[in-house]
């Protein structure tokens, strides 16, 4: 691939594009870790958010409020720079970035999924209760299948925010696309000026995010169409 890129863009810029594309894989890996880890934690928090026990609901609400209120950049500072210095331990950038993005993702996805559950008509709960079906069985068999369909578009759309959020991980020396773009732009080499390199980096992020945005819009239009709302534009 390097030879092909050098043929297309010249030797220097071909190497730059190759390095940026190679670094992009770590952006993708970190995004997947954040989405999968955050999704798992979000599922737990969402479950606590709807249980009949008030103490558990309050705990879930505080969790969501806390990690939605703390900027992602601050989470990265705390996990990647603050904790290692304060406790005198070594925290690898990969671990720090993964934990920070997992916490960030879980808080927002938990609220998205709670909203999807709340969007299911209350009559579904009441109907199941009148038939003697328990809370969790009602949620599993009646509510969850409907909520999942509602939650898919915003969940896919939020993946775009996760990918863009990974760009902040460069501050803790995580070797992703943004860090290598910044290193090359600051290298003082001829042809590596910021106004050349950063548009390349932006284009790669665009290529990662745009398909997900279109997929989210497709799911949203499909859902509106199934509900007989074809004329409503998302």
Protein backbone atom coordinates (compact mmCIF):
# COMPACT_ATOMS: atom_id res chain seq x y z
CA UNK A 1 0.00 0.00 0.00
CA UNK A 2 2.84 2.41 0.80
CA UNK A 3 4.15 2.16 -2.77
CA UNK A 4 0.68 2.88 -4.16
CA UNK A 5 0.26 5.92 -1.93
CA UNK A 6 3.71 7.19 -2.91
CA UNK A 7 2.76 6.84 -6.56
CA UNK A 8 -0.49 8.75 -6.04
CA UNK A 9 0.72 11.52 -3.69
CA UNK A 10 4.49 11.58 -4.13
CA UNK A 11 7.11 10.01 -1.90
CA UNK A 12 6.82 12.41 1.07
CA UNK A 13 3.06 12.91 1.17
CA UNK A 14 2.53 9.24 0.32
CA UNK A 15 4.48 8.33 3.45
CA UNK A 16 2.46 10.86 5.45
CA UNK A 17 -0.84 9.39 4.27
CA UNK A 18 0.43 5.88 5.03
CA UNK A 19 1.39 6.87 8.60
CA UNK A 20 -1.96 8.58 9.16
CA UNK A 21 -3.91 5.60 7.84
CA UNK A 22 -1.84 3.25 9.99
CA UNK A 23 -2.62 5.39 13.06
CA UNK A 24 -6.31 5.39 12.13
CA UNK A 25 -6.59 1.74 13.13
CA UNK A 26 -5.93 2.74 16.76
CA UNK A 27 -8.65 5.36 16.55
CA UNK A 28 -11.02 2.64 15.36
CA UNK A 29 -9.91 0.18 18.08
CA UNK A 30 -10.37 2.80 20.80
CA UNK A 31 -13.81 3.70 19.42
CA UNK A 32 -14.86 0.05 19.52
CA UNK A 33 -13.58 -0.36 23.08
CA UNK A 34 -15.49 2.76 24.14
CA UNK A 35 -18.68 1.67 22.41
CA UNK A 36 -18.65 -1.94 23.61
CA UNK A 37 -17.46 -1.13 27.14
CA UNK A 38 -19.69 1.91 27.42
CA UNK A 39 -22.63 -0.05 26.04
CA UNK A 40 -22.19 -2.79 28.63
CA UNK A 41 -22.02 -0.29 31.50
CA UNK A 42 -24.90 1.69 29.99
CA UNK A 43 -27.09 -1.43 29.90
CA UNK A 44 -26.50 -1.91 33.63
CA UNK A 45 -27.14 1.74 34.45
CA UNK A 46 -30.27 1.78 32.28
CA UNK A 47 -31.59 -1.28 34.12
CA UNK A 48 -30.98 0.42 37.46
CA UNK A 49 -32.66 3.56 36.14
CA UNK A 50 -36.00 1.82 35.64
CA UNK A 51 -36.15 -0.63 38.57
CA UNK A 52 -38.86 -0.11 41.23
CA UNK A 53 -36.23 0.49 43.96
CA UNK A 54 -35.75 4.23 44.46
CA UNK A 55 -32.20 3.92 45.85
CA UNK A 56 -30.99 2.16 42.70
CA UNK A 57 -32.74 4.67 40.46
CA UNK A 58 -31.09 7.51 42.35
CA UNK A 59 -27.68 5.87 42.02
CA UNK A 60 -28.15 5.52 38.26
CA UNK A 61 -29.31 9.14 37.97
CA UNK A 62 -26.26 10.39 39.88
CA UNK A 63 -23.95 8.29 37.70
CA UNK A 64 -25.45 9.73 34.53
CA UNK A 65 -25.42 13.27 35.88
CA UNK A 66 -21.81 12.99 37.08
CA UNK A 67 -20.21 11.67 33.91
CA UNK A 68 -22.29 13.85 31.63
CA UNK A 69 -21.19 16.89 33.64
CA UNK A 70 -17.45 16.13 33.54
CA UNK A 71 -15.89 17.05 30.16
CA UNK A 72 -14.22 14.17 28.35
CA UNK A 73 -10.99 16.16 28.26
CA UNK A 74 -11.02 16.37 32.06
CA UNK A 75 -11.64 12.62 32.37
CA UNK A 76 -8.59 12.02 30.19
CA UNK A 77 -6.50 14.35 32.33
CA UNK A 78 -7.62 12.61 35.52
CA UNK A 79 -7.10 9.02 34.33
CA UNK A 80 -4.03 9.58 32.17
CA UNK A 81 -2.17 12.28 34.08
CA UNK A 82 -3.72 12.89 37.52
CA UNK A 83 -4.05 9.34 38.85
CA UNK A 84 -0.54 8.24 37.79
CA UNK A 85 1.04 11.25 39.51
CA UNK A 86 -1.14 11.24 42.63
CA UNK A 87 -0.93 7.48 43.30
CA UNK A 88 2.52 7.04 41.76
CA UNK A 89 1.43 4.24 39.48
CA UNK A 90 1.89 3.63 35.78
CA UNK A 91 -1.32 3.90 33.76
CA UNK A 92 -0.81 3.06 30.07
CA UNK A 93 -2.36 5.60 27.67
CA UNK A 94 -4.49 2.83 26.14
CA UNK A 95 -6.02 1.97 29.52
CA UNK A 96 -6.55 5.60 30.51
CA UNK A 97 -8.18 6.45 27.19
CA UNK A 98 -10.36 3.32 27.26
CA UNK A 99 -11.62 3.97 30.79
CA UNK A 100 -12.32 7.66 30.13
CA UNK A 101 -14.23 7.03 26.93
CA UNK A 102 -16.12 4.11 28.47
CA UNK A 103 -17.35 6.31 31.32
CA UNK A 104 -18.22 9.12 28.91
CA UNK A 105 -20.03 6.78 26.51
CA UNK A 106 -21.93 4.86 29.19
CA UNK A 107 -23.44 8.02 30.69
CA UNK A 108 -24.83 9.25 27.39
CA UNK A 109 -25.95 5.87 26.07
CA UNK A 110 -27.71 5.11 29.36
CA UNK A 111 -29.76 8.28 28.99
CA UNK A 112 -30.49 7.55 25.33
CA UNK A 113 -31.69 4.06 26.15
CA UNK A 114 -33.72 5.24 29.15
CA UNK A 115 -35.43 7.71 26.83
CA UNK A 116 -36.18 4.93 24.36
CA UNK A 117 -37.78 2.87 27.14
CA UNK A 118 -39.78 5.89 28.30
CA UNK A 119 -41.03 6.37 24.73
CA UNK A 120 -42.85 3.03 24.84
CA UNK A 121 -46.49 3.78 25.80
CA UNK A 122 -47.26 3.20 29.47
CA UNK A 123 -50.25 1.13 28.41
CA UNK A 124 -47.82 -1.65 27.52
CA UNK A 125 -46.70 -1.85 31.15
CA UNK A 126 -50.26 -1.61 32.44
CA UNK A 127 -51.55 -4.25 30.05
CA UNK A 128 -48.88 -6.72 31.05
CA UNK A 129 -49.45 -5.99 34.75
CA UNK A 130 -53.17 -6.62 34.38
CA UNK A 131 -52.33 -10.03 32.93
CA UNK A 132 -50.20 -10.87 35.95
CA UNK A 133 -46.87 -10.64 34.12
CA UNK A 134 -43.97 -9.57 36.36
CA UNK A 135 -41.86 -6.45 35.92
CA UNK A 136 -38.74 -8.00 34.44
CA UNK A 137 -40.64 -10.39 32.17
CA UNK A 138 -42.69 -7.46 30.88
CA UNK A 139 -39.52 -5.53 30.23
CA UNK A 140 -37.84 -8.47 28.49
CA UNK A 141 -40.74 -9.64 26.33
CA UNK A 142 -42.78 -6.49 25.73
CA UNK A 143 -40.89 -3.27 26.39
CA UNK A 144 -37.29 -4.06 25.36
CA UNK A 145 -38.06 -5.16 21.76
CA UNK A 146 -39.92 -1.90 21.13
CA UNK A 147 -37.31 0.23 22.90
CA UNK A 148 -34.48 -1.31 20.89
CA UNK A 149 -36.03 -0.18 17.62
CA UNK A 150 -36.43 3.34 18.98
CA UNK A 151 -32.88 3.42 20.35
CA UNK A 152 -31.03 2.22 17.24
CA UNK A 153 -30.89 5.55 15.31
CA UNK A 154 -29.55 7.70 18.19
CA UNK A 155 -27.19 4.92 19.26
CA UNK A 156 -25.63 4.66 15.81
CA UNK A 157 -25.53 8.45 15.64
CA UNK A 158 -23.72 8.65 18.96
CA UNK A 159 -20.94 6.46 17.57
CA UNK A 160 -19.94 9.52 15.57
CA UNK A 161 -19.44 11.43 18.83
CA UNK A 162 -17.31 8.57 20.17
CA UNK A 163 -15.01 8.62 17.15
CA UNK A 164 -14.62 12.39 17.39
CA UNK A 165 -14.07 12.09 21.13
CA UNK A 166 -11.09 9.78 20.60
CA UNK A 167 -9.24 12.71 19.03
CA UNK A 168 -8.76 14.17 22.52
CA UNK A 169 -6.76 11.13 23.65
CA UNK A 170 -3.63 12.57 22.06
CA UNK A 171 -3.12 14.71 25.20
CA UNK A 172 -2.15 11.56 27.13
CA UNK A 173 0.13 10.33 24.33
CA UNK A 174 -2.27 7.80 22.87
CA UNK A 175 -0.93 6.93 19.41
CA UNK A 176 -4.05 7.60 17.40
CA UNK A 177 -4.76 9.55 14.24
CA UNK A 178 -4.80 12.98 15.91
CA UNK A 179 -1.49 12.49 17.75
CA UNK A 180 0.36 11.44 14.62
CA UNK A 181 -1.23 14.26 12.65
CA UNK A 182 -0.06 16.74 15.28
CA UNK A 183 3.45 15.22 15.40
CA UNK A 184 3.83 15.44 11.65
CA UNK A 185 2.42 18.97 11.49
CA UNK A 186 4.90 20.07 14.19
CA UNK A 187 7.89 18.35 12.59
CA UNK A 188 9.09 21.43 10.64
CA UNK A 189 9.60 19.29 7.53
CA UNK A 190 8.95 20.77 4.11
CA UNK A 191 5.46 19.76 2.99
CA UNK A 192 4.32 18.96 6.55
CA UNK A 193 2.76 22.34 7.23
CA UNK A 194 -0.34 22.32 9.48
CA UNK A 195 -2.57 23.64 6.68
CA UNK A 196 -1.60 20.54 4.66
CA UNK A 197 -1.61 17.84 7.35
CA UNK A 198 -4.68 18.78 9.38
CA UNK A 199 -7.01 18.77 6.34
CA UNK A 200 -5.78 15.22 5.68
CA UNK A 201 -6.58 14.28 9.28
CA UNK A 202 -9.99 15.97 9.04
CA UNK A 203 -10.78 14.08 5.82
CA UNK A 204 -9.98 10.73 7.44
CA UNK A 205 -12.26 11.56 10.38
CA UNK A 206 -14.93 12.56 7.87
CA UNK A 207 -14.59 9.20 6.10
CA UNK A 208 -15.06 7.43 9.44
CA UNK A 209 -18.01 9.51 10.64
CA UNK A 210 -20.04 10.28 7.52
CA UNK A 211 -21.17 6.68 6.80
CA UNK A 212 -22.37 6.32 10.40
CA UNK A 213 -24.30 9.59 10.15
CA UNK A 214 -26.00 8.39 6.98
CA UNK A 215 -26.74 5.01 8.55
CA UNK A 216 -28.33 6.75 11.54
CA UNK A 217 -30.50 8.87 9.25
CA UNK A 218 -31.51 5.75 7.33
CA UNK A 219 -32.62 3.98 10.50
CA UNK A 220 -34.51 7.07 11.63
CA UNK A 221 -36.34 7.41 8.32
CA UNK A 222 -37.16 3.70 8.36
CA UNK A 223 -38.60 3.98 11.86
CA UNK A 224 -40.69 7.04 10.92
CA UNK A 225 -41.93 5.27 7.80
CA UNK A 226 -43.02 2.24 9.80
CA UNK A 227 -44.96 4.55 12.10
CA UNK A 228 -46.77 6.13 9.17
CA UNK A 229 -44.84 9.42 9.40
CA UNK A 230 -43.22 9.44 5.95
CA UNK A 231 -43.63 13.18 5.54
CA UNK A 232 -41.75 14.01 8.74
CA UNK A 233 -38.12 14.91 8.10
CA UNK A 234 -35.66 13.82 10.81
